[in-house]
Amino acid sequence: MHIEFWKDRWKAGQIGFHLPEVNPYLTDYWDKLNAEEGAVVLVPLCGKSLDMAWLASKQYGVLGVECSQKAIEEFFQEQQLTYKTGDLNSFKVHNSYNINLLEGDFFSLNKDILEDIEFVYDRASLVALPEPMRKQYVDLLIKSLPEKVSILLVTIEYDQSLMSGPPFSVSESEVERLYKPHFLVEIIHEADVLNDQPRFKEKGLNKMIERVYKISR
């Protein structure tokens, strides 16, 4: 689950987690966060997600973090965007208009880099990490994000004895355990989506619950 694992997945084209369209949860529930134009949105473990292009089109600043150079290059190519590359601490920064993609280790982020973040969009980050790394991930967010920040989080929950991740099963109780000491946690959508996920149904799952959370300080 460390950087080389994900770099290898991108090199091999094993990116079943990548959606070929904008995630409907983003378009349906983003307004719940009451974000104003110009606000900067952190997209952790962003890959080449089309969600970033959607956020940028709505006049938000986007700060994506991704370990794979291939994913970043493909994002800009597929969006037909020119970009410049520079350095920021241990990251390479790829910039095009209001999109900045940091190439490097998410766990190298710090307060200085995240000082302008007002929102976080996490569609496939928390569920990409095994349990010990999920706590490390949330602890970094708690420590490094500004005091006034809101998060749109998407998780899935299933019987992990029937299928190993990623994506990993993250329960409602785990989300509350990770975030609640420092954040307010509200479920804004919950549904069993297994019938829409044949590749997971084939693995023997009997249900797969997707939840969308609004999480705020």
N, C-alpha and C. Protein backbone atom coordinates (compact mmCIF):
# COMPACT_ATOMS: atom_id res chain seq x y z
N MET A 1 0.82 -1.21 0.00
CA MET A 1 0.00 0.00 0.00
C MET A 1 0.86 1.26 0.00
N HIS A 2 2.17 1.10 -0.13
CA HIS A 2 3.02 2.28 -0.15
C HIS A 2 3.19 2.77 -1.59
N ILE A 3 3.99 3.80 -1.74
CA ILE A 3 4.07 4.52 -3.02
C ILE A 3 4.38 3.59 -4.19
N GLU A 4 5.34 2.69 -4.03
CA GLU A 4 5.73 1.84 -5.17
C GLU A 4 4.57 0.95 -5.62
N PHE A 5 3.73 0.53 -4.69
CA PHE A 5 2.56 -0.27 -5.04
C PHE A 5 1.68 0.49 -6.02
N TRP A 6 1.40 1.77 -5.71
CA TRP A 6 0.50 2.55 -6.56
C TRP A 6 1.19 2.96 -7.87
N LYS A 7 2.47 3.25 -7.83
CA LYS A 7 3.19 3.55 -9.07
C LYS A 7 3.14 2.36 -10.01
N ASP A 8 3.31 1.17 -9.45
CA ASP A 8 3.27 -0.05 -10.27
C ASP A 8 1.88 -0.27 -10.85
N ARG A 9 0.84 0.03 -10.08
CA ARG A 9 -0.53 -0.11 -10.59
C ARG A 9 -0.73 0.80 -11.80
N TRP A 10 -0.25 2.03 -11.70
CA TRP A 10 -0.40 2.97 -12.82
C TRP A 10 0.42 2.52 -14.03
N LYS A 11 1.63 2.06 -13.79
CA LYS A 11 2.48 1.60 -14.90
C LYS A 11 1.84 0.42 -15.62
N ALA A 12 1.18 -0.47 -14.85
CA ALA A 12 0.56 -1.66 -15.43
C ALA A 12 -0.84 -1.40 -15.95
N GLY A 13 -1.34 -0.20 -15.77
CA GLY A 13 -2.70 0.12 -16.20
C GLY A 13 -3.77 -0.53 -15.35
N GLN A 14 -3.42 -0.92 -14.12
CA GLN A 14 -4.39 -1.56 -13.22
C GLN A 14 -5.07 -0.47 -12.39
N ILE A 15 -5.98 0.25 -13.04
CA ILE A 15 -6.57 1.43 -12.40
C ILE A 15 -8.10 1.34 -12.43
N GLY A 16 -8.60 0.21 -11.95
CA GLY A 16 -10.05 0.03 -11.89
C GLY A 16 -10.73 1.04 -10.99
N PHE A 17 -9.94 1.68 -10.12
CA PHE A 17 -10.48 2.70 -9.21
C PHE A 17 -10.75 4.02 -9.94
N HIS A 18 -10.19 4.18 -11.14
CA HIS A 18 -10.38 5.44 -11.87
C HIS A 18 -11.74 5.43 -12.56
N LEU A 19 -12.51 6.50 -12.35
CA LEU A 19 -13.82 6.62 -12.99
C LEU A 19 -13.69 7.42 -14.28
N PRO A 20 -14.33 6.96 -15.36
CA PRO A 20 -14.24 7.67 -16.64
C PRO A 20 -15.20 8.85 -16.74
N GLU A 21 -15.83 9.20 -15.62
CA GLU A 21 -16.73 10.35 -15.61
C GLU A 21 -16.63 11.01 -14.23
N VAL A 22 -17.22 12.19 -14.12
CA VAL A 22 -17.24 12.87 -12.83
C VAL A 22 -18.12 12.09 -11.87
N ASN A 23 -17.65 11.93 -10.64
CA ASN A 23 -18.41 11.17 -9.65
C ASN A 23 -19.73 11.88 -9.33
N PRO A 24 -20.87 11.20 -9.46
CA PRO A 24 -22.16 11.86 -9.20
C PRO A 24 -22.31 12.35 -7.77
N TYR A 25 -21.60 11.72 -6.81
CA TYR A 25 -21.68 12.22 -5.43
C TYR A 25 -21.10 13.62 -5.32
N LEU A 26 -20.08 13.90 -6.12
CA LEU A 26 -19.51 15.24 -6.10
C LEU A 26 -20.51 16.27 -6.62
N THR A 27 -21.10 15.99 -7.76
CA THR A 27 -22.04 16.95 -8.35
C THR A 27 -23.32 17.06 -7.52
N ASP A 28 -23.73 15.96 -6.88
CA ASP A 28 -24.98 15.98 -6.11
C ASP A 28 -24.84 16.64 -4.74
N TYR A 29 -23.65 16.50 -4.11
CA TYR A 29 -23.55 16.88 -2.70
C TYR A 29 -22.51 17.97 -2.41
N TRP A 30 -21.77 18.42 -3.41
CA TRP A 30 -20.76 19.43 -3.15
C TRP A 30 -21.38 20.69 -2.54
N ASP A 31 -22.57 21.06 -2.99
CA ASP A 31 -23.21 22.28 -2.48
C ASP A 31 -23.46 22.22 -0.98
N LYS A 32 -23.49 21.02 -0.40
CA LYS A 32 -23.70 20.88 1.04
C LYS A 32 -22.57 21.54 1.85
N LEU A 33 -21.40 21.72 1.19
CA LEU A 33 -20.26 22.29 1.90
C LEU A 33 -20.25 23.82 1.86
N ASN A 34 -21.16 24.41 1.04
CA ASN A 34 -21.27 25.87 0.96
C ASN A 34 -19.94 26.54 0.60
N ALA A 35 -19.25 25.96 -0.35
CA ALA A 35 -17.97 26.51 -0.79
C ALA A 35 -18.18 27.69 -1.73
N GLU A 36 -17.44 28.75 -1.50
CA GLU A 36 -17.50 29.92 -2.37
C GLU A 36 -16.47 29.79 -3.49
N GLU A 37 -16.75 30.43 -4.63
CA GLU A 37 -15.80 30.44 -5.73
C GLU A 37 -14.45 30.94 -5.24
N GLY A 38 -13.40 30.32 -5.75
CA GLY A 38 -12.05 30.72 -5.37
C GLY A 38 -11.48 29.94 -4.21
N ALA A 39 -12.33 29.22 -3.47
CA ALA A 39 -11.82 28.41 -2.36
C ALA A 39 -10.90 27.31 -2.90
N VAL A 40 -9.92 26.92 -2.10
CA VAL A 40 -8.95 25.91 -2.52
C VAL A 40 -9.34 24.55 -1.93
N VAL A 41 -9.39 23.55 -2.81
CA VAL A 41 -9.85 22.21 -2.45
C VAL A 41 -8.69 21.23 -2.54
N LEU A 42 -8.44 20.52 -1.47
CA LEU A 42 -7.43 19.46 -1.46
C LEU A 42 -8.06 18.16 -1.96
N VAL A 43 -7.42 17.52 -2.95
CA VAL A 43 -7.87 16.21 -3.46
C VAL A 43 -6.73 15.22 -3.23
N PRO A 44 -6.76 14.48 -2.11
CA PRO A 44 -5.67 13.56 -1.80
C PRO A 44 -5.68 12.34 -2.73
N LEU A 45 -4.49 11.78 -2.97
CA LEU A 45 -4.35 10.56 -3.78
C LEU A 45 -5.21 10.68 -5.03
N CYS A 46 -5.01 11.74 -5.80
CA CYS A 46 -5.99 12.18 -6.79
C CYS A 46 -5.97 11.41 -8.11
N GLY A 47 -4.87 10.70 -8.41
CA GLY A 47 -4.79 10.03 -9.71
C GLY A 47 -4.98 11.04 -10.84
N LYS A 48 -5.81 10.67 -11.80
CA LYS A 48 -6.13 11.59 -12.90
C LYS A 48 -7.64 11.88 -12.90
N SER A 49 -8.20 11.95 -11.70
CA SER A 49 -9.65 12.06 -11.53
C SER A 49 -10.25 13.24 -12.29
N LEU A 50 -11.33 12.97 -13.00
CA LEU A 50 -12.07 14.02 -13.69
C LEU A 50 -12.75 14.96 -12.70
N ASP A 51 -12.87 14.53 -11.46
CA ASP A 51 -13.47 15.38 -10.44
C ASP A 51 -12.67 16.67 -10.27
N MET A 52 -11.37 16.60 -10.47
CA MET A 52 -10.54 17.80 -10.34
C MET A 52 -10.87 18.81 -11.43
N ALA A 53 -11.10 18.32 -12.66
CA ALA A 53 -11.47 19.21 -13.75
C ALA A 53 -12.83 19.85 -13.48
N TRP A 54 -13.74 19.08 -12.89
CA TRP A 54 -15.06 19.63 -12.56
C TRP A 54 -14.94 20.74 -11.52
N LEU A 55 -14.16 20.49 -10.47
CA LEU A 55 -13.97 21.51 -9.43
C LEU A 55 -13.32 22.77 -10.02
N ALA A 56 -12.32 22.57 -10.87
CA ALA A 56 -11.65 23.72 -11.49
C ALA A 56 -12.62 24.50 -12.38
N SER A 57 -13.52 23.79 -13.06
CA SER A 57 -14.48 24.47 -13.95
C SER A 57 -15.48 25.31 -13.16
N LYS A 58 -15.64 24.98 -11.87
CA LYS A 58 -16.53 25.75 -11.00
C LYS A 58 -15.78 26.88 -10.29
N GLN A 59 -14.57 27.15 -10.76
CA GLN A 59 -13.74 28.26 -10.27
C GLN A 59 -13.18 28.04 -8.87
N TYR A 60 -12.96 26.77 -8.49
CA TYR A 60 -12.24 26.48 -7.27
C TYR A 60 -10.77 26.26 -7.60
N GLY A 61 -9.91 26.57 -6.64
CA GLY A 61 -8.53 26.15 -6.77
C GLY A 61 -8.41 24.69 -6.38
N VAL A 62 -7.63 23.92 -7.12
CA VAL A 62 -7.48 22.50 -6.86
C VAL A 62 -6.03 22.20 -6.49
N LEU A 63 -5.83 21.54 -5.35
CA LEU A 63 -4.51 21.04 -4.97
C LEU A 63 -4.62 19.52 -4.86
N GLY A 64 -4.15 18.83 -5.90
CA GLY A 64 -4.16 17.38 -5.90
C GLY A 64 -2.82 16.84 -5.44
N VAL A 65 -2.82 15.66 -4.83
CA VAL A 65 -1.59 15.01 -4.39
C VAL A 65 -1.57 13.61 -4.96
N GLU A 66 -0.50 13.27 -5.67
CA GLU A 66 -0.44 11.99 -6.37
C GLU A 66 1.03 11.54 -6.48
N CYS A 67 1.27 10.27 -6.23
CA CYS A 67 2.65 9.77 -6.28
C CYS A 67 3.09 9.40 -7.69
N SER A 68 2.14 9.17 -8.60
CA SER A 68 2.47 8.67 -9.94
C SER A 68 2.61 9.80 -10.94
N GLN A 69 3.82 9.95 -11.48
CA GLN A 69 4.03 10.94 -12.54
C GLN A 69 3.17 10.62 -13.76
N LYS A 70 3.00 9.34 -14.05
CA LYS A 70 2.20 8.91 -15.20
C LYS A 70 0.75 9.39 -15.06
N ALA A 71 0.18 9.26 -13.87
CA ALA A 71 -1.20 9.70 -13.65
C ALA A 71 -1.33 11.19 -13.87
N ILE A 72 -0.38 11.95 -13.36
CA ILE A 72 -0.42 13.41 -13.50
C ILE A 72 -0.30 13.82 -14.95
N GLU A 73 0.64 13.23 -15.67
CA GLU A 73 0.82 13.56 -17.09
C GLU A 73 -0.43 13.22 -17.88
N GLU A 74 -1.04 12.07 -17.58
CA GLU A 74 -2.25 11.68 -18.31
C GLU A 74 -3.41 12.62 -18.00
N PHE A 75 -3.48 13.11 -16.77
CA PHE A 75 -4.55 14.06 -16.44
C PHE A 75 -4.46 15.29 -17.34
N PHE A 76 -3.29 15.90 -17.39
CA PHE A 76 -3.15 17.12 -18.19
C PHE A 76 -3.33 16.85 -19.68
N GLN A 77 -2.84 15.71 -20.14
CA GLN A 77 -3.01 15.36 -21.56
C GLN A 77 -4.48 15.19 -21.90
N GLU A 78 -5.19 14.44 -21.07
CA GLU A 78 -6.60 14.14 -21.36
C GLU A 78 -7.48 15.37 -21.21
N GLN A 79 -7.07 16.30 -20.35
CA GLN A 79 -7.83 17.55 -20.20
C GLN A 79 -7.35 18.62 -21.18
N GLN A 80 -6.35 18.26 -21.99
CA GLN A 80 -5.78 19.17 -23.01
C GLN A 80 -5.33 20.49 -22.36
N LEU A 81 -4.58 20.35 -21.27
CA LEU A 81 -4.07 21.49 -20.54
C LEU A 81 -2.55 21.53 -20.62
N THR A 82 -1.99 22.69 -20.90
CA THR A 82 -0.56 22.87 -20.78
C THR A 82 -0.23 23.15 -19.31
N TYR A 83 0.98 22.80 -18.90
CA TYR A 83 1.33 22.99 -17.50
C TYR A 83 2.82 23.25 -17.35
N LYS A 84 3.15 23.82 -16.21
CA LYS A 84 4.54 24.06 -15.85
C LYS A 84 4.89 23.22 -14.64
N THR A 85 6.16 22.88 -14.51
CA THR A 85 6.61 22.05 -13.40
C THR A 85 7.70 22.77 -12.61
N GLY A 86 7.56 22.74 -11.29
CA GLY A 86 8.56 23.32 -10.40
C GLY A 86 8.73 22.43 -9.18
N ASP A 87 9.31 22.98 -8.14
CA ASP A 87 9.59 22.21 -6.92
C ASP A 87 8.99 22.90 -5.70
N LEU A 88 8.51 22.10 -4.77
CA LEU A 88 8.01 22.59 -3.49
C LEU A 88 8.37 21.57 -2.42
N ASN A 89 9.34 21.92 -1.59
CA ASN A 89 9.83 20.97 -0.59
C ASN A 89 10.22 19.66 -1.29
N SER A 90 9.64 18.55 -0.86
CA SER A 90 10.00 17.26 -1.46
C SER A 90 9.12 16.90 -2.65
N PHE A 91 8.23 17.81 -3.05
CA PHE A 91 7.29 17.55 -4.14
C PHE A 91 7.74 18.22 -5.43
N LYS A 92 7.33 17.64 -6.55
CA LYS A 92 7.29 18.35 -7.81
C LYS A 92 5.89 18.95 -7.96
N VAL A 93 5.81 20.19 -8.39
CA VAL A 93 4.52 20.85 -8.55
C VAL A 93 4.24 21.04 -10.03
N HIS A 94 3.09 20.52 -10.47
CA HIS A 94 2.67 20.66 -11.86
C HIS A 94 1.46 21.59 -11.87
N ASN A 95 1.58 22.74 -12.53
CA ASN A 95 0.57 23.78 -12.44
C ASN A 95 -0.03 24.12 -13.79
N SER A 96 -1.35 24.22 -13.83
CA SER A 96 -2.07 24.72 -15.00
C SER A 96 -3.26 25.53 -14.51
N TYR A 97 -3.20 26.84 -14.69
CA TYR A 97 -4.28 27.73 -14.26
C TYR A 97 -4.56 27.53 -12.78
N ASN A 98 -5.78 27.09 -12.42
CA ASN A 98 -6.13 26.96 -11.00
C ASN A 98 -5.97 25.53 -10.48
N ILE A 99 -5.19 24.72 -11.20
CA ILE A 99 -4.93 23.34 -10.77
C ILE A 99 -3.45 23.17 -10.47
N ASN A 100 -3.14 22.73 -9.26
CA ASN A 100 -1.77 22.39 -8.87
C ASN A 100 -1.75 20.93 -8.42
N LEU A 101 -0.95 20.13 -9.08
CA LEU A 101 -0.83 18.72 -8.71
C LEU A 101 0.56 18.50 -8.13
N LEU A 102 0.60 18.02 -6.88
CA LEU A 102 1.86 17.73 -6.21
C LEU A 102 2.23 16.28 -6.45
N GLU A 103 3.39 16.04 -7.01
CA GLU A 103 3.87 14.69 -7.25
C GLU A 103 4.79 14.30 -6.11
N GLY A 104 4.39 13.30 -5.34
CA GLY A 104 5.20 12.87 -4.21
C GLY A 104 4.40 12.12 -3.18
N ASP A 105 4.94 12.01 -1.99
CA ASP A 105 4.36 11.23 -0.91
C ASP A 105 3.36 12.08 -0.12
N PHE A 106 2.11 11.67 -0.13
CA PHE A 106 1.07 12.40 0.62
C PHE A 106 1.50 12.66 2.05
N PHE A 107 2.19 11.71 2.67
CA PHE A 107 2.54 11.84 4.08
C PHE A 107 3.68 12.83 4.32
N SER A 108 4.16 13.47 3.25
CA SER A 108 5.13 14.54 3.39
C SER A 108 4.47 15.92 3.43
N LEU A 109 3.15 15.96 3.34
CA LEU A 109 2.44 17.24 3.44
C LEU A 109 2.62 17.84 4.84
N ASN A 110 2.51 19.17 4.91
CA ASN A 110 2.62 19.84 6.21
C ASN A 110 1.73 21.08 6.22
N LYS A 111 1.72 21.75 7.35
CA LYS A 111 0.86 22.93 7.52
C LYS A 111 1.15 24.02 6.50
N ASP A 112 2.42 24.23 6.20
CA ASP A 112 2.79 25.30 5.27
C ASP A 112 2.20 25.05 3.89
N ILE A 113 2.24 23.82 3.43
CA ILE A 113 1.72 23.49 2.11
C ILE A 113 0.19 23.59 2.09
N LEU A 114 -0.45 23.26 3.20
CA LEU A 114 -1.91 23.19 3.25
C LEU A 114 -2.56 24.43 3.87
N GLU A 115 -1.80 25.50 4.05
CA GLU A 115 -2.32 26.64 4.80
C GLU A 115 -3.52 27.32 4.13
N ASP A 116 -3.67 27.16 2.80
CA ASP A 116 -4.78 27.82 2.10
C ASP A 116 -5.98 26.91 1.86
N ILE A 117 -5.90 25.67 2.30
CA ILE A 117 -6.98 24.70 2.04
C ILE A 117 -8.21 25.04 2.87
N GLU A 118 -9.35 25.09 2.21
CA GLU A 118 -10.63 25.32 2.90
C GLU A 118 -11.54 24.09 2.85
N PHE A 119 -11.30 23.23 1.85
CA PHE A 119 -12.15 22.05 1.66
C PHE A 119 -11.28 20.87 1.24
N VAL A 120 -11.77 19.67 1.56
CA VAL A 120 -11.12 18.43 1.12
C VAL A 120 -12.17 17.58 0.43
N TYR A 121 -11.80 17.03 -0.72
CA TYR A 121 -12.68 16.10 -1.42
C TYR A 121 -11.98 14.74 -1.46
N ASP A 122 -12.54 13.78 -0.73
CA ASP A 122 -11.93 12.45 -0.60
C ASP A 122 -12.91 11.40 -1.12
N ARG A 123 -12.75 11.05 -2.40
CA ARG A 123 -13.59 10.02 -2.99
C ARG A 123 -12.94 8.64 -2.90
N ALA A 124 -11.61 8.59 -3.02
CA ALA A 124 -10.95 7.28 -3.10
C ALA A 124 -9.64 7.24 -2.32
N SER A 125 -9.52 8.08 -1.31
CA SER A 125 -8.26 8.15 -0.56
C SER A 125 -8.31 7.28 0.69
N LEU A 126 -9.24 7.58 1.58
CA LEU A 126 -9.32 6.81 2.82
C LEU A 126 -9.51 5.33 2.53
N VAL A 127 -10.35 5.00 1.55
CA VAL A 127 -10.63 3.59 1.24
C VAL A 127 -9.48 2.92 0.51
N ALA A 128 -8.48 3.70 0.07
CA ALA A 128 -7.32 3.11 -0.61
C ALA A 128 -6.27 2.62 0.37
N LEU A 129 -6.45 2.94 1.64
CA LEU A 129 -5.41 2.68 2.63
C LEU A 129 -5.83 1.58 3.61
N PRO A 130 -4.90 0.71 4.01
CA PRO A 130 -5.21 -0.27 5.07
C PRO A 130 -5.38 0.45 6.40
N GLU A 131 -5.95 -0.25 7.37
CA GLU A 131 -6.39 0.40 8.61
C GLU A 131 -5.32 1.21 9.32
N PRO A 132 -4.09 0.70 9.53
CA PRO A 132 -3.10 1.52 10.24
C PRO A 132 -2.78 2.82 9.51
N MET A 133 -2.75 2.76 8.18
CA MET A 133 -2.44 3.96 7.41
C MET A 133 -3.62 4.93 7.38
N ARG A 134 -4.83 4.43 7.56
CA ARG A 134 -5.99 5.33 7.62
C ARG A 134 -5.88 6.26 8.82
N LYS A 135 -5.44 5.73 9.96
CA LYS A 135 -5.27 6.59 11.14
C LYS A 135 -4.15 7.59 10.89
N GLN A 136 -3.07 7.15 10.28
CA GLN A 136 -1.95 8.05 9.98
C GLN A 136 -2.41 9.16 9.03
N TYR A 137 -3.24 8.79 8.06
CA TYR A 137 -3.77 9.74 7.07
C TYR A 137 -4.64 10.81 7.75
N VAL A 138 -5.58 10.37 8.59
CA VAL A 138 -6.47 11.32 9.25
C VAL A 138 -5.70 12.16 10.27
N ASP A 139 -4.75 11.56 10.96
CA ASP A 139 -3.94 12.33 11.91
C ASP A 139 -3.19 13.46 11.21
N LEU A 140 -2.69 13.18 9.99
CA LEU A 140 -2.00 14.23 9.23
C LEU A 140 -2.96 15.36 8.87
N LEU A 141 -4.18 15.00 8.45
CA LEU A 141 -5.17 16.02 8.13
C LEU A 141 -5.50 16.88 9.35
N ILE A 142 -5.70 16.23 10.48
CA ILE A 142 -6.04 16.95 11.71
C ILE A 142 -4.92 17.92 12.08
N LYS A 143 -3.70 17.46 11.95
CA LYS A 143 -2.54 18.25 12.37
C LYS A 143 -2.23 19.38 11.38
N SER A 144 -2.48 19.15 10.09
CA SER A 144 -1.94 20.05 9.06
C SER A 144 -2.97 20.97 8.42
N LEU A 145 -4.24 20.64 8.47
CA LEU A 145 -5.24 21.48 7.82
C LEU A 145 -5.58 22.69 8.68
N PRO A 146 -5.97 23.80 8.04
CA PRO A 146 -6.41 24.97 8.80
C PRO A 146 -7.60 24.65 9.69
N GLU A 147 -7.83 25.50 10.68
CA GLU A 147 -8.88 25.25 11.66
C GLU A 147 -10.26 25.18 11.00
N LYS A 148 -10.51 26.07 10.04
CA LYS A 148 -11.83 26.09 9.40
C LYS A 148 -11.75 25.33 8.08
N VAL A 149 -12.16 24.08 8.11
CA VAL A 149 -12.09 23.25 6.91
C VAL A 149 -13.26 22.28 6.93
N SER A 150 -13.77 21.95 5.74
CA SER A 150 -14.84 20.95 5.61
C SER A 150 -14.43 19.89 4.61
N ILE A 151 -14.92 18.68 4.82
CA ILE A 151 -14.51 17.53 4.01
C ILE A 151 -15.75 16.84 3.45
N LEU A 152 -15.70 16.52 2.15
CA LEU A 152 -16.70 15.64 1.55
C LEU A 152 -16.01 14.29 1.38
N LEU A 153 -16.48 13.30 2.11
CA LEU A 153 -15.84 11.98 2.17
C LEU A 153 -16.79 10.92 1.63
N VAL A 154 -16.27 10.05 0.76
CA VAL A 154 -17.03 8.91 0.25
C VAL A 154 -16.34 7.63 0.71
N THR A 155 -17.11 6.71 1.31
CA THR A 155 -16.55 5.43 1.75
C THR A 155 -17.41 4.28 1.25
N ILE A 156 -16.85 3.08 1.34
CA ILE A 156 -17.63 1.87 1.10
C ILE A 156 -17.45 0.93 2.29
N GLU A 157 -18.47 0.12 2.53
CA GLU A 157 -18.39 -0.88 3.59
C GLU A 157 -18.91 -2.21 3.04
N TYR A 158 -18.14 -3.27 3.29
CA TYR A 158 -18.52 -4.61 2.83
C TYR A 158 -17.85 -5.62 3.76
N ASP A 159 -18.16 -6.89 3.59
CA ASP A 159 -17.57 -7.96 4.39
C ASP A 159 -16.16 -8.23 3.86
N GLN A 160 -15.16 -7.75 4.57
CA GLN A 160 -13.80 -7.87 4.06
C GLN A 160 -13.24 -9.28 4.15
N SER A 161 -13.95 -10.18 4.82
CA SER A 161 -13.52 -11.59 4.79
C SER A 161 -13.80 -12.22 3.43
N LEU A 162 -14.68 -11.57 2.64
CA LEU A 162 -15.02 -12.08 1.31
C LEU A 162 -14.16 -11.45 0.22
N MET A 163 -13.55 -10.32 0.51
CA MET A 163 -12.73 -9.64 -0.48
C MET A 163 -11.73 -8.76 0.26
N SER A 164 -10.49 -8.81 -0.18
CA SER A 164 -9.49 -7.94 0.42
C SER A 164 -9.35 -6.68 -0.44
N GLY A 165 -9.00 -5.58 0.20
CA GLY A 165 -8.83 -4.34 -0.55
C GLY A 165 -7.48 -4.24 -1.21
N PRO A 166 -7.21 -3.13 -1.87
CA PRO A 166 -8.08 -1.96 -1.98
C PRO A 166 -9.13 -2.13 -3.08
N PRO A 167 -10.26 -1.40 -3.01
CA PRO A 167 -10.63 -0.48 -1.95
C PRO A 167 -10.99 -1.24 -0.68
N PHE A 168 -10.64 -0.66 0.45
CA PHE A 168 -10.89 -1.29 1.74
C PHE A 168 -12.27 -0.90 2.29
N SER A 169 -12.80 -1.79 3.11
CA SER A 169 -14.05 -1.52 3.80
C SER A 169 -13.80 -0.57 4.97
N VAL A 170 -14.56 0.53 5.01
CA VAL A 170 -14.44 1.50 6.10
C VAL A 170 -15.84 1.72 6.67
N SER A 171 -16.02 1.32 7.91
CA SER A 171 -17.36 1.37 8.54
C SER A 171 -17.67 2.77 9.05
N GLU A 172 -18.95 2.97 9.31
CA GLU A 172 -19.39 4.23 9.91
C GLU A 172 -18.72 4.46 11.26
N SER A 173 -18.60 3.39 12.05
CA SER A 173 -18.00 3.53 13.38
C SER A 173 -16.52 3.91 13.28
N GLU A 174 -15.83 3.42 12.25
CA GLU A 174 -14.43 3.79 12.08
C GLU A 174 -14.29 5.26 11.69
N VAL A 175 -15.16 5.71 10.79
CA VAL A 175 -15.12 7.13 10.40
C VAL A 175 -15.33 8.01 11.63
N GLU A 176 -16.29 7.65 12.46
CA GLU A 176 -16.53 8.44 13.67
C GLU A 176 -15.34 8.38 14.62
N ARG A 177 -14.74 7.20 14.74
CA ARG A 177 -13.59 7.05 15.63
C ARG A 177 -12.40 7.89 15.14
N LEU A 178 -12.21 7.94 13.83
CA LEU A 178 -11.08 8.68 13.28
C LEU A 178 -11.28 10.19 13.34
N TYR A 179 -12.49 10.65 13.04
CA TYR A 179 -12.71 12.08 12.85
C TYR A 179 -13.38 12.78 14.02
N LYS A 180 -14.25 12.06 14.75
CA LYS A 180 -15.15 12.75 15.68
C LYS A 180 -14.46 13.51 16.82
N PRO A 181 -13.32 13.10 17.30
CA PRO A 181 -12.73 13.93 18.35
C PRO A 181 -12.44 15.36 17.91
N HIS A 182 -12.27 15.58 16.60
CA HIS A 182 -11.87 16.89 16.09
C HIS A 182 -12.87 17.48 15.10
N PHE A 183 -13.83 16.68 14.63
CA PHE A 183 -14.75 17.13 13.59
C PHE A 183 -16.18 16.73 13.92
N LEU A 184 -17.12 17.44 13.32
CA LEU A 184 -18.51 17.00 13.30
C LEU A 184 -18.68 16.08 12.10
N VAL A 185 -19.35 14.95 12.28
CA VAL A 185 -19.50 13.95 11.23
C VAL A 185 -20.98 13.75 10.94
N GLU A 186 -21.36 13.94 9.66
CA GLU A 186 -22.77 13.83 9.27
C GLU A 186 -22.87 12.97 8.01
N ILE A 187 -23.67 11.91 8.04
CA ILE A 187 -23.95 11.12 6.84
C ILE A 187 -25.00 11.85 6.02
N ILE A 188 -24.68 12.13 4.76
CA ILE A 188 -25.66 12.83 3.91
C ILE A 188 -26.20 11.92 2.81
N HIS A 189 -25.63 10.72 2.68
CA HIS A 189 -26.16 9.75 1.71
C HIS A 189 -25.67 8.36 2.10
N GLU A 190 -26.55 7.36 1.91
CA GLU A 190 -26.19 5.98 2.21
C GLU A 190 -27.01 5.06 1.31
N ALA A 191 -26.34 4.11 0.64
CA ALA A 191 -27.07 3.21 -0.26
C ALA A 191 -26.24 1.95 -0.50
N ASP A 192 -26.96 0.83 -0.72
CA ASP A 192 -26.33 -0.41 -1.15
C ASP A 192 -26.18 -0.37 -2.66
N VAL A 193 -24.94 -0.37 -3.15
CA VAL A 193 -24.68 -0.17 -4.59
C VAL A 193 -24.17 -1.44 -5.26
N LEU A 194 -24.29 -2.59 -4.58
CA LEU A 194 -23.69 -3.81 -5.11
C LEU A 194 -24.21 -4.16 -6.49
N ASN A 195 -25.51 -3.97 -6.74
CA ASN A 195 -26.08 -4.31 -8.04
C ASN A 195 -25.49 -3.48 -9.18
N ASP A 196 -24.90 -2.35 -8.83
CA ASP A 196 -24.26 -1.50 -9.84
C ASP A 196 -22.76 -1.79 -9.97
N GLN A 197 -22.27 -2.77 -9.20
CA GLN A 197 -20.84 -3.07 -9.17
C GLN A 197 -20.60 -4.55 -9.45
N PRO A 198 -20.79 -4.99 -10.71
CA PRO A 198 -20.69 -6.43 -11.01
C PRO A 198 -19.34 -7.05 -10.69
N ARG A 199 -18.24 -6.27 -10.82
CA ARG A 199 -16.92 -6.86 -10.54
C ARG A 199 -16.77 -7.22 -9.07
N PHE A 200 -17.48 -6.48 -8.18
CA PHE A 200 -17.43 -6.82 -6.76
C PHE A 200 -18.44 -7.93 -6.45
N LYS A 201 -19.55 -7.93 -7.14
CA LYS A 201 -20.55 -8.99 -6.94
C LYS A 201 -19.95 -10.35 -7.29
N GLU A 202 -19.13 -10.37 -8.34
CA GLU A 202 -18.50 -11.61 -8.77
C GLU A 202 -17.54 -12.17 -7.72
N LYS A 203 -17.06 -11.32 -6.83
CA LYS A 203 -16.15 -11.77 -5.78
C LYS A 203 -16.89 -12.40 -4.60
N GLY A 204 -18.22 -12.41 -4.67
CA GLY A 204 -19.01 -13.07 -3.64
C GLY A 204 -19.60 -12.15 -2.59
N LEU A 205 -19.48 -10.86 -2.77
CA LEU A 205 -20.07 -9.94 -1.80
C LEU A 205 -21.59 -10.01 -1.86
N ASN A 206 -22.23 -9.83 -0.70
CA ASN A 206 -23.69 -9.82 -0.65
C ASN A 206 -24.27 -8.43 -0.46
N LYS A 207 -23.40 -7.47 -0.12
CA LYS A 207 -23.82 -6.06 -0.10
C LYS A 207 -22.58 -5.18 -0.10
N MET A 208 -22.76 -3.96 -0.57
CA MET A 208 -21.70 -2.97 -0.56
C MET A 208 -22.35 -1.61 -0.31
N ILE A 209 -22.12 -1.08 0.88
CA ILE A 209 -22.75 0.18 1.28
C ILE A 209 -21.81 1.34 0.98
N GLU A 210 -22.29 2.27 0.19
CA GLU A 210 -21.55 3.51 -0.02
C GLU A 210 -22.17 4.59 0.86
N ARG A 211 -21.30 5.37 1.50
CA ARG A 211 -21.76 6.49 2.32
C ARG A 211 -21.03 7.76 1.90
N VAL A 212 -21.75 8.84 1.95
CA VAL A 212 -21.17 10.16 1.72
C VAL A 212 -21.32 10.94 3.02
N TYR A 213 -20.20 11.50 3.47
CA TYR A 213 -20.17 12.25 4.72
C TYR A 213 -19.84 13.72 4.47
N LYS A 214 -20.45 14.58 5.25
CA LYS A 214 -19.98 15.95 5.40
C LYS A 214 -19.29 16.02 6.76
N ILE A 215 -18.02 16.39 6.71
CA ILE A 215 -17.22 16.43 7.93
C ILE A 215 -16.68 17.84 8.09
N SER A 216 -16.90 18.44 9.25
CA SER A 216 -16.48 19.83 9.43
C SER A 216 -15.97 20.03 10.86
N ARG A 217 -15.12 21.06 11.02
CA ARG A 217 -14.57 21.36 12.34
C ARG A 217 -15.69 21.74 13.29
